Amino acid sequence: MHQEWGLRYGWVLGLYSGLLICIMSGGLAAWRYAILRLLQRAGVFSAHCVRFFDEATGNVLLQKVGGGYRFIHRLLLDYFAYGR
């Protein structure tokens, strides 16, 4: 009976454990990069987005924080996020 439980649920536990370790050791950044590259190749995401974000930073719409950007005005964030 115990062997059957191990065979049935052991691979699921191993899969989830491996996925958790992968995410904690930088796998999440790799997935994000892969998704962005896929969107770029599909034509959904422009290759020149960094230039656009830098232009928006120069116009005081965004603020550069570390390696990313954030909206300065909460209303502007809500407008782009929710279309209101």
PDB file of N, CA and C in Angstrom:
ATOM      1  N   MET A   1       0.822  -1.197   0.000  1.00  0.00           N
ATOM      2  CA  MET A   1       0.000   0.000   0.000  1.00  0.00           C
ATOM      3  C   MET A   1       0.864   1.258   0.000  1.00  0.00           C
ATOM      4  N   HIS A   2       1.925   1.273   0.806  1.00  0.00           N
ATOM      5  CA  HIS A   2       2.780   2.459   0.878  1.00  0.00           C
ATOM      6  C   HIS A   2       3.577   2.657  -0.398  1.00  0.00           C
ATOM      7  N   GLN A   3       3.952   1.562  -1.064  1.00  0.00           N
ATOM      8  CA  GLN A   3       4.670   1.678  -2.330  1.00  0.00           C
ATOM      9  C   GLN A   3       3.770   2.294  -3.389  1.00  0.00           C
ATOM     10  N   GLU A   4       2.531   1.911  -3.390  1.00  0.00           N
ATOM     11  CA  GLU A   4       1.588   2.451  -4.361  1.00  0.00           C
ATOM     12  C   GLU A   4       1.425   3.961  -4.186  1.00  0.00           C
ATOM     13  N   TRP A   5       1.364   4.415  -2.940  1.00  0.00           N
ATOM     14  CA  TRP A   5       1.257   5.854  -2.670  1.00  0.00           C
ATOM     15  C   TRP A   5       2.490   6.577  -3.178  1.00  0.00           C
ATOM     16  N   GLY A   6       3.669   5.994  -2.945  1.00  0.00           N
ATOM     17  CA  GLY A   6       4.913   6.613  -3.390  1.00  0.00           C
ATOM     18  C   GLY A   6       5.005   6.706  -4.897  1.00  0.00           C
ATOM     19  N   LEU A   7       4.561   5.676  -5.581  1.00  0.00           N
ATOM     20  CA  LEU A   7       4.584   5.698  -7.040  1.00  0.00           C
ATOM     21  C   LEU A   7       3.560   6.671  -7.607  1.00  0.00           C
ATOM     22  N   ARG A   8       2.443   6.782  -6.937  1.00  0.00           N
ATOM     23  CA  ARG A   8       1.372   7.627  -7.439  1.00  0.00           C
ATOM     24  C   ARG A   8       1.660   9.107  -7.215  1.00  0.00           C
ATOM     25  N   TYR A   9       2.160   9.457  -6.050  1.00  0.00           N
ATOM     26  CA  TYR A   9       2.332  10.863  -5.707  1.00  0.00           C
ATOM     27  C   TYR A   9       3.781  11.328  -5.660  1.00  0.00           C
ATOM     28  N   GLY A  10       4.712  10.412  -5.715  1.00  0.00           N
ATOM     29  CA  GLY A  10       6.121  10.776  -5.631  1.00  0.00           C
ATOM     30  C   GLY A  10       6.598  11.610  -6.798  1.00  0.00           C
ATOM     31  N   TRP A  11       6.142  11.279  -7.996  1.00  0.00           N
ATOM     32  CA  TRP A  11       6.578  12.055  -9.161  1.00  0.00           C
ATOM     33  C   TRP A  11       5.978  13.460  -9.155  1.00  0.00           C
ATOM     34  N   VAL A  12       4.783  13.601  -8.634  1.00  0.00           N
ATOM     35  CA  VAL A  12       4.171  14.929  -8.547  1.00  0.00           C
ATOM     36  C   VAL A  12       4.941  15.787  -7.546  1.00  0.00           C
ATOM     37  N   LEU A  13       5.270  15.222  -6.407  1.00  0.00           N
ATOM     38  CA  LEU A  13       6.041  15.938  -5.402  1.00  0.00           C
ATOM     39  C   LEU A  13       7.422  16.313  -5.948  1.00  0.00           C
ATOM     40  N   GLY A  14       8.053  15.392  -6.674  1.00  0.00           N
ATOM     41  CA  GLY A  14       9.353  15.676  -7.266  1.00  0.00           C
ATOM     42  C   GLY A  14       9.287  16.767  -8.316  1.00  0.00           C
ATOM     43  N   LEU A  15       8.245  16.766  -9.125  1.00  0.00           N
ATOM     44  CA  LEU A  15       8.067  17.784 -10.153  1.00  0.00           C
ATOM     45  C   LEU A  15       7.880  19.165  -9.534  1.00  0.00           C
ATOM     46  N   TYR A  16       7.011  19.267  -8.540  1.00  0.00           N
ATOM     47  CA  TYR A  16       6.774  20.549  -7.886  1.00  0.00           C
ATOM     48  C   TYR A  16       8.004  21.030  -7.121  1.00  0.00           C
ATOM     49  N   SER A  17       8.714  20.123  -6.502  1.00  0.00           N
ATOM     50  CA  SER A  17       9.936  20.508  -5.783  1.00  0.00           C
ATOM     51  C   SER A  17      10.989  21.031  -6.756  1.00  0.00           C
ATOM     52  N   GLY A  18      11.162  20.354  -7.873  1.00  0.00           N
ATOM     53  CA  GLY A  18      12.118  20.807  -8.882  1.00  0.00           C
ATOM     54  C   GLY A  18      11.744  22.149  -9.471  1.00  0.00           C
ATOM     55  N   LEU A  19      10.454  22.366  -9.699  1.00  0.00           N
ATOM     56  CA  LEU A  19       9.988  23.651 -10.220  1.00  0.00           C
ATOM     57  C   LEU A  19      10.222  24.765  -9.207  1.00  0.00           C
ATOM     58  N   LEU A  20       9.981  24.501  -7.952  1.00  0.00           N
ATOM     59  CA  LEU A  20      10.215  25.497  -6.909  1.00  0.00           C
ATOM     60  C   LEU A  20      11.693  25.852  -6.804  1.00  0.00           C
ATOM     61  N   ILE A  21      12.557  24.875  -6.854  1.00  0.00           N
ATOM     62  CA  ILE A  21      13.999  25.134  -6.793  1.00  0.00           C
ATOM     63  C   ILE A  21      14.445  25.923  -8.017  1.00  0.00           C
ATOM     64  N   CYS A  22      13.905  25.595  -9.178  1.00  0.00           N
ATOM     65  CA  CYS A  22      14.245  26.312 -10.414  1.00  0.00           C
ATOM     66  C   CYS A  22      13.835  27.776 -10.312  1.00  0.00           C
ATOM     67  N   ILE A  23      12.648  28.034  -9.827  1.00  0.00           N
ATOM     68  CA  ILE A  23      12.163  29.415  -9.704  1.00  0.00           C
ATOM     69  C   ILE A  23      13.004  30.196  -8.703  1.00  0.00           C
ATOM     70  N   MET A  24      13.362  29.551  -7.601  1.00  0.00           N
ATOM     71  CA  MET A  24      14.138  30.254  -6.567  1.00  0.00           C
ATOM     72  C   MET A  24      15.576  30.523  -7.006  1.00  0.00           C
ATOM     73  N   SER A  25      16.087  29.762  -7.965  1.00  0.00           N
ATOM     74  CA  SER A  25      17.480  29.943  -8.372  1.00  0.00           C
ATOM     75  C   SER A  25      17.612  30.683  -9.700  1.00  0.00           C
ATOM     76  N   GLY A  26      16.640  31.502 -10.056  1.00  0.00           N
ATOM     77  CA  GLY A  26      16.751  32.330 -11.256  1.00  0.00           C
ATOM     78  C   GLY A  26      15.921  31.850 -12.419  1.00  0.00           C
ATOM     79  N   GLY A  27      15.191  30.804 -12.255  1.00  0.00           N
ATOM     80  CA  GLY A  27      14.361  30.285 -13.335  1.00  0.00           C
ATOM     81  C   GLY A  27      13.245  31.223 -13.722  1.00  0.00           C
ATOM     82  N   LEU A  28      12.739  31.991 -12.768  1.00  0.00           N
ATOM     83  CA  LEU A  28      11.656  32.929 -13.054  1.00  0.00           C
ATOM     84  C   LEU A  28      12.132  34.016 -14.009  1.00  0.00           C
ATOM     85  N   ALA A  29      13.334  34.509 -13.818  1.00  0.00           N
ATOM     86  CA  ALA A  29      13.880  35.524 -14.727  1.00  0.00           C
ATOM     87  C   ALA A  29      14.058  34.942 -16.123  1.00  0.00           C
ATOM     88  N   ALA A  30      14.473  33.701 -16.212  1.00  0.00           N
ATOM     89  CA  ALA A  30      14.631  33.056 -17.519  1.00  0.00           C
ATOM     90  C   ALA A  30      13.284  32.895 -18.220  1.00  0.00           C
ATOM     91  N   TRP A  31      12.257  32.529 -17.476  1.00  0.00           N
ATOM     92  CA  TRP A  31      10.918  32.415 -18.059  1.00  0.00           C
ATOM     93  C   TRP A  31      10.409  33.766 -18.538  1.00  0.00           C
ATOM     94  N   ARG A  32      10.612  34.813 -17.740  1.00  0.00           N
ATOM     95  CA  ARG A  32      10.177  36.150 -18.146  1.00  0.00           C
ATOM     96  C   ARG A  32      10.886  36.584 -19.422  1.00  0.00           C
ATOM     97  N   TYR A  33      12.184  36.328 -19.504  1.00  0.00           N
ATOM     98  CA  TYR A  33      12.950  36.685 -20.690  1.00  0.00           C
ATOM     99  C   TYR A  33      12.438  35.912 -21.905  1.00  0.00           C
ATOM    100  N   ALA A  34      12.178  34.630 -21.733  1.00  0.00           N
ATOM    101  CA  ALA A  34      11.692  33.812 -22.840  1.00  0.00           C
ATOM    102  C   ALA A  34      10.326  34.291 -23.326  1.00  0.00           C
ATOM    103  N   ILE A  35       9.462  34.668 -22.410  1.00  0.00           N
ATOM    104  CA  ILE A  35       8.137  35.165 -22.790  1.00  0.00           C
ATOM    105  C   ILE A  35       8.257  36.485 -23.536  1.00  0.00           C
ATOM    106  N   LEU A  36       9.123  37.387 -23.062  1.00  0.00           N
ATOM    107  CA  LEU A  36       9.319  38.658 -23.765  1.00  0.00           C
ATOM    108  C   LEU A  36       9.873  38.437 -25.165  1.00  0.00           C
ATOM    109  N   ARG A  37      10.825  37.513 -25.323  1.00  0.00           N
ATOM    110  CA  ARG A  37      11.375  37.213 -26.648  1.00  0.00           C
ATOM    111  C   ARG A  37      10.295  36.636 -27.564  1.00  0.00           C
ATOM    112  N   LEU A  38       9.446  35.781 -27.030  1.00  0.00           N
ATOM    113  CA  LEU A  38       8.366  35.198 -27.812  1.00  0.00           C
ATOM    114  C   LEU A  38       7.384  36.277 -28.269  1.00  0.00           C
ATOM    115  N   LEU A  39       7.030  37.188 -27.370  1.00  0.00           N
ATOM    116  CA  LEU A  39       6.137  38.290 -27.736  1.00  0.00           C
ATOM    117  C   LEU A  39       6.774  39.212 -28.760  1.00  0.00           C
ATOM    118  N   GLN A  40       8.073  39.415 -28.645  1.00  0.00           N
ATOM    119  CA  GLN A  40       8.778  40.268 -29.595  1.00  0.00           C
ATOM    120  C   GLN A  40       8.776  39.630 -30.987  1.00  0.00           C
ATOM    121  N   ARG A  41       9.027  38.351 -31.066  1.00  0.00           N
ATOM    122  CA  ARG A  41       9.039  37.665 -32.360  1.00  0.00           C
ATOM    123  C   ARG A  41       7.648  37.587 -32.975  1.00  0.00           C
ATOM    124  N   ALA A  42       6.623  37.553 -32.153  1.00  0.00           N
ATOM    125  CA  ALA A  42       5.249  37.519 -32.650  1.00  0.00           C
ATOM    126  C   ALA A  42       4.773  38.895 -33.094  1.00  0.00           C
ATOM    127  N   GLY A  43       5.555  39.930 -32.810  1.00  0.00           N
ATOM    128  CA  GLY A  43       5.184  41.278 -33.211  1.00  0.00           C
ATOM    129  C   GLY A  43       4.298  42.003 -32.221  1.00  0.00           C
ATOM    130  N   VAL A  44       4.079  41.415 -31.063  1.00  0.00           N
ATOM    131  CA  VAL A  44       3.230  42.034 -30.046  1.00  0.00           C
ATOM    132  C   VAL A  44       4.017  43.045 -29.223  1.00  0.00           C
ATOM    133  N   PHE A  45       5.300  42.772 -29.024  1.00  0.00           N
ATOM    134  CA  PHE A  45       6.137  43.588 -28.161  1.00  0.00           C
ATOM    135  C   PHE A  45       7.277  44.151 -28.996  1.00  0.00           C
ATOM    136  N   SER A  46       7.453  45.447 -28.982  1.00  0.00           N
ATOM    137  CA  SER A  46       8.458  46.100 -29.814  1.00  0.00           C
ATOM    138  C   SER A  46       9.866  45.918 -29.252  1.00  0.00           C
ATOM    139  N   ALA A  47      10.837  45.852 -30.151  1.00  0.00           N
ATOM    140  CA  ALA A  47      12.235  45.741 -29.744  1.00  0.00           C
ATOM    141  C   ALA A  47      12.765  47.081 -29.236  1.00  0.00           C
ATOM    142  N   HIS A  48      12.042  48.138 -29.522  1.00  0.00           N
ATOM    143  CA  HIS A  48      12.487  49.478 -29.147  1.00  0.00           C
ATOM    144  C   HIS A  48      11.771  49.993 -27.899  1.00  0.00           C
ATOM    145  N   CYS A  49      11.292  49.099 -27.052  1.00  0.00           N
ATOM    146  CA  CYS A  49      10.533  49.522 -25.886  1.00  0.00           C
ATOM    147  C   CYS A  49      11.405  50.268 -24.877  1.00  0.00           C
ATOM    148  N   VAL A  50      12.689  49.929 -24.785  1.00  0.00           N
ATOM    149  CA  VAL A  50      13.561  50.619 -23.835  1.00  0.00           C
ATOM    150  C   VAL A  50      13.687  52.084 -24.223  1.00  0.00           C
ATOM    151  N   ARG A  51      13.803  52.355 -25.511  1.00  0.00           N
ATOM    152  CA  ARG A  51      13.863  53.740 -25.974  1.00  0.00           C
ATOM    153  C   ARG A  51      12.561  54.478 -25.617  1.00  0.00           C
ATOM    154  N   PHE A  52      11.425  53.792 -25.782  1.00  0.00           N
ATOM    155  CA  PHE A  52      10.135  54.377 -25.427  1.00  0.00           C
ATOM    156  C   PHE A  52      10.057  54.669 -23.929  1.00  0.00           C
ATOM    157  N   PHE A  53      10.511  53.712 -23.108  1.00  0.00           N
ATOM    158  CA  PHE A  53      10.481  53.910 -21.658  1.00  0.00           C
ATOM    159  C   PHE A  53      11.419  55.035 -21.233  1.00  0.00           C
ATOM    160  N   ASP A  54      12.579  55.138 -21.862  1.00  0.00           N
ATOM    161  CA  ASP A  54      13.494  56.238 -21.547  1.00  0.00           C
ATOM    162  C   ASP A  54      12.891  57.587 -21.939  1.00  0.00           C
ATOM    163  N   GLU A  55      12.188  57.621 -23.061  1.00  0.00           N
ATOM    164  CA  GLU A  55      11.505  58.850 -23.482  1.00  0.00           C
ATOM    165  C   GLU A  55      10.416  59.228 -22.474  1.00  0.00           C
ATOM    166  N   ALA A  56       9.666  58.237 -22.008  1.00  0.00           N
ATOM    167  CA  ALA A  56       8.628  58.491 -21.008  1.00  0.00           C
ATOM    168  C   ALA A  56       9.246  58.942 -19.687  1.00  0.00           C
ATOM    169  N   THR A  57      10.425  58.422 -19.362  1.00  0.00           N
ATOM    170  CA  THR A  57      11.132  58.867 -18.157  1.00  0.00           C
ATOM    171  C   THR A  57      11.556  60.319 -18.301  1.00  0.00           C
ATOM    172  N   GLY A  58      12.023  60.686 -19.486  1.00  0.00           N
ATOM    173  CA  GLY A  58      12.407  62.072 -19.739  1.00  0.00           C
ATOM    174  C   GLY A  58      11.232  63.031 -19.672  1.00  0.00           C
ATOM    175  N   ASN A  59      10.037  62.537 -19.973  1.00  0.00           N
ATOM    176  CA  ASN A  59       8.824  63.366 -19.925  1.00  0.00           C
ATOM    177  C   ASN A  59       8.102  63.266 -18.586  1.00  0.00           C
ATOM    178  N   VAL A  60       8.738  62.695 -17.601  1.00  0.00           N
ATOM    179  CA  VAL A  60       8.252  62.575 -16.228  1.00  0.00           C
ATOM    180  C   VAL A  60       6.932  61.794 -16.150  1.00  0.00           C
ATOM    181  N   LEU A  61       6.786  60.772 -16.983  1.00  0.00           N
ATOM    182  CA  LEU A  61       5.646  59.874 -16.868  1.00  0.00           C
ATOM    183  C   LEU A  61       6.029  58.611 -16.104  1.00  0.00           C
ATOM    184  N   LEU A  62       7.292  58.219 -16.246  1.00  0.00           N
ATOM    185  CA  LEU A  62       7.808  57.046 -15.558  1.00  0.00           C
ATOM    186  C   LEU A  62       9.010  57.445 -14.718  1.00  0.00           C
ATOM    187  N   GLN A  63       9.346  56.596 -13.783  1.00  0.00           N
ATOM    188  CA  GLN A  63      10.534  56.788 -12.961  1.00  0.00           C
ATOM    189  C   GLN A  63      11.360  55.513 -13.059  1.00  0.00           C
ATOM    190  N   LYS A  64      12.654  55.658 -13.323  1.00  0.00           N
ATOM    191  CA  LYS A  64      13.517  54.495 -13.429  1.00  0.00           C
ATOM    192  C   LYS A  64      13.915  54.042 -12.026  1.00  0.00           C
ATOM    193  N   VAL A  65      13.639  52.771 -11.721  1.00  0.00           N
ATOM    194  CA  VAL A  65      13.927  52.203 -10.416  1.00  0.00           C
ATOM    195  C   VAL A  65      14.718  50.920 -10.639  1.00  0.00           C
ATOM    196  N   GLY A  66      16.003  50.968 -10.307  1.00  0.00           N
ATOM    197  CA  GLY A  66      16.855  49.797 -10.522  1.00  0.00           C
ATOM    198  C   GLY A  66      16.927  49.460 -11.998  1.00  0.00           C
ATOM    199  N   GLY A  67      16.547  48.243 -12.360  1.00  0.00           N
ATOM    200  CA  GLY A  67      16.534  47.826 -13.751  1.00  0.00           C
ATOM    201  C   GLY A  67      15.167  47.926 -14.385  1.00  0.00           C
ATOM    202  N   GLY A  68      14.218  48.529 -13.690  1.00  0.00           N
ATOM    203  CA  GLY A  68      12.855  48.617 -14.213  1.00  0.00           C
ATOM    204  C   GLY A  68      12.320  50.034 -14.164  1.00  0.00           C
ATOM    205  N   TYR A  69      11.054  50.141 -14.439  1.00  0.00           N
ATOM    206  CA  TYR A  69      10.376  51.440 -14.465  1.00  0.00           C
ATOM    207  C   TYR A  69       9.107  51.346 -13.652  1.00  0.00           C
ATOM    208  N   ARG A  70       8.656  52.489 -13.162  1.00  0.00           N
ATOM    209  CA  ARG A  70       7.366  52.531 -12.482  1.00  0.00           C
ATOM    210  C   ARG A  70       6.704  53.866 -12.788  1.00  0.00           C
ATOM    211  N   PHE A  71       5.376  53.859 -12.736  1.00  0.00           N
ATOM    212  CA  PHE A  71       4.623  55.076 -12.997  1.00  0.00           C
ATOM    213  C   PHE A  71       4.738  56.015 -11.807  1.00  0.00           C
ATOM    214  N   ILE A  72       4.889  57.284 -12.089  1.00  0.00           N
ATOM    215  CA  ILE A  72       4.950  58.282 -11.029  1.00  0.00           C
ATOM    216  C   ILE A  72       3.544  58.589 -10.530  1.00  0.00           C
ATOM    217  N   HIS A  73       2.592  58.680 -11.453  1.00  0.00           N
ATOM    218  CA  HIS A  73       1.228  59.055 -11.103  1.00  0.00           C
ATOM    219  C   HIS A  73       0.341  57.812 -11.051  1.00  0.00           C
ATOM    220  N   ARG A  74      -0.348  57.627  -9.955  1.00  0.00           N
ATOM    221  CA  ARG A  74      -1.214  56.460  -9.771  1.00  0.00           C
ATOM    222  C   ARG A  74      -2.377  56.463 -10.763  1.00  0.00           C
ATOM    223  N   LEU A  75      -2.918  57.625 -11.080  1.00  0.00           N
ATOM    224  CA  LEU A  75      -4.028  57.706 -12.030  1.00  0.00           C
ATOM    225  C   LEU A  75      -3.602  57.258 -13.424  1.00  0.00           C
ATOM    226  N   LEU A  76      -2.390  57.576 -13.803  1.00  0.00           N
ATOM    227  CA  LEU A  76      -1.876  57.151 -15.099  1.00  0.00           C
ATOM    228  C   LEU A  76      -1.699  55.633 -15.135  1.00  0.00           C
ATOM    229  N   LEU A  77      -1.220  55.068 -14.057  1.00  0.00           N
ATOM    230  CA  LEU A  77      -1.096  53.614 -13.966  1.00  0.00           C
ATOM    231  C   LEU A  77      -2.463  52.959 -14.091  1.00  0.00           C
ATOM    232  N   ASP A  78      -3.459  53.473 -13.394  1.00  0.00           N
ATOM    233  CA  ASP A  78      -4.814  52.914 -13.473  1.00  0.00           C
ATOM    234  C   ASP A  78      -5.379  53.044 -14.867  1.00  0.00           C
ATOM    235  N   TYR A  79      -5.101  54.149 -15.549  1.00  0.00           N
ATOM    236  CA  TYR A  79      -5.603  54.355 -16.890  1.00  0.00           C
ATOM    237  C   TYR A  79      -5.062  53.297 -17.852  1.00  0.00           C
ATOM    238  N   PHE A  80      -3.748  53.054 -17.794  1.00  0.00           N
ATOM    239  CA  PHE A  80      -3.154  52.063 -18.691  1.00  0.00           C
ATOM    240  C   PHE A  80      -3.464  50.633 -18.274  1.00  0.00           C
ATOM    241  N   ALA A  81      -3.609  50.389 -17.004  1.00  0.00           N
ATOM    242  CA  ALA A  81      -3.861  49.029 -16.527  1.00  0.00           C
ATOM    243  C   ALA A  81      -5.304  48.605 -16.738  1.00  0.00           C
ATOM    244  N   TYR A  82      -6.231  49.509 -16.498  1.00  0.00           N
ATOM    245  CA  TYR A  82      -7.650  49.140 -16.521  1.00  0.00           C
ATOM    246  C   TYR A  82      -8.449  49.801 -17.630  1.00  0.00           C
ATOM    247  N   GLY A  83      -7.850  50.732 -18.354  1.00  0.00           N
ATOM    248  CA  GLY A  83      -8.536  51.390 -19.447  1.00  0.00           C
ATOM    249  C   GLY A  83      -9.636  52.333 -19.016  1.00  0.00           C
ATOM    250  N   ARG A  84      -9.497  52.885 -17.835  1.00  0.00           N
ATOM    251  CA  ARG A  84     -10.533  53.807 -17.324  1.00  0.00           C
ATOM    252  C   ARG A  84     -10.123  55.226 -17.532  1.00  0.00           C
TER     253      ARG A  84
END
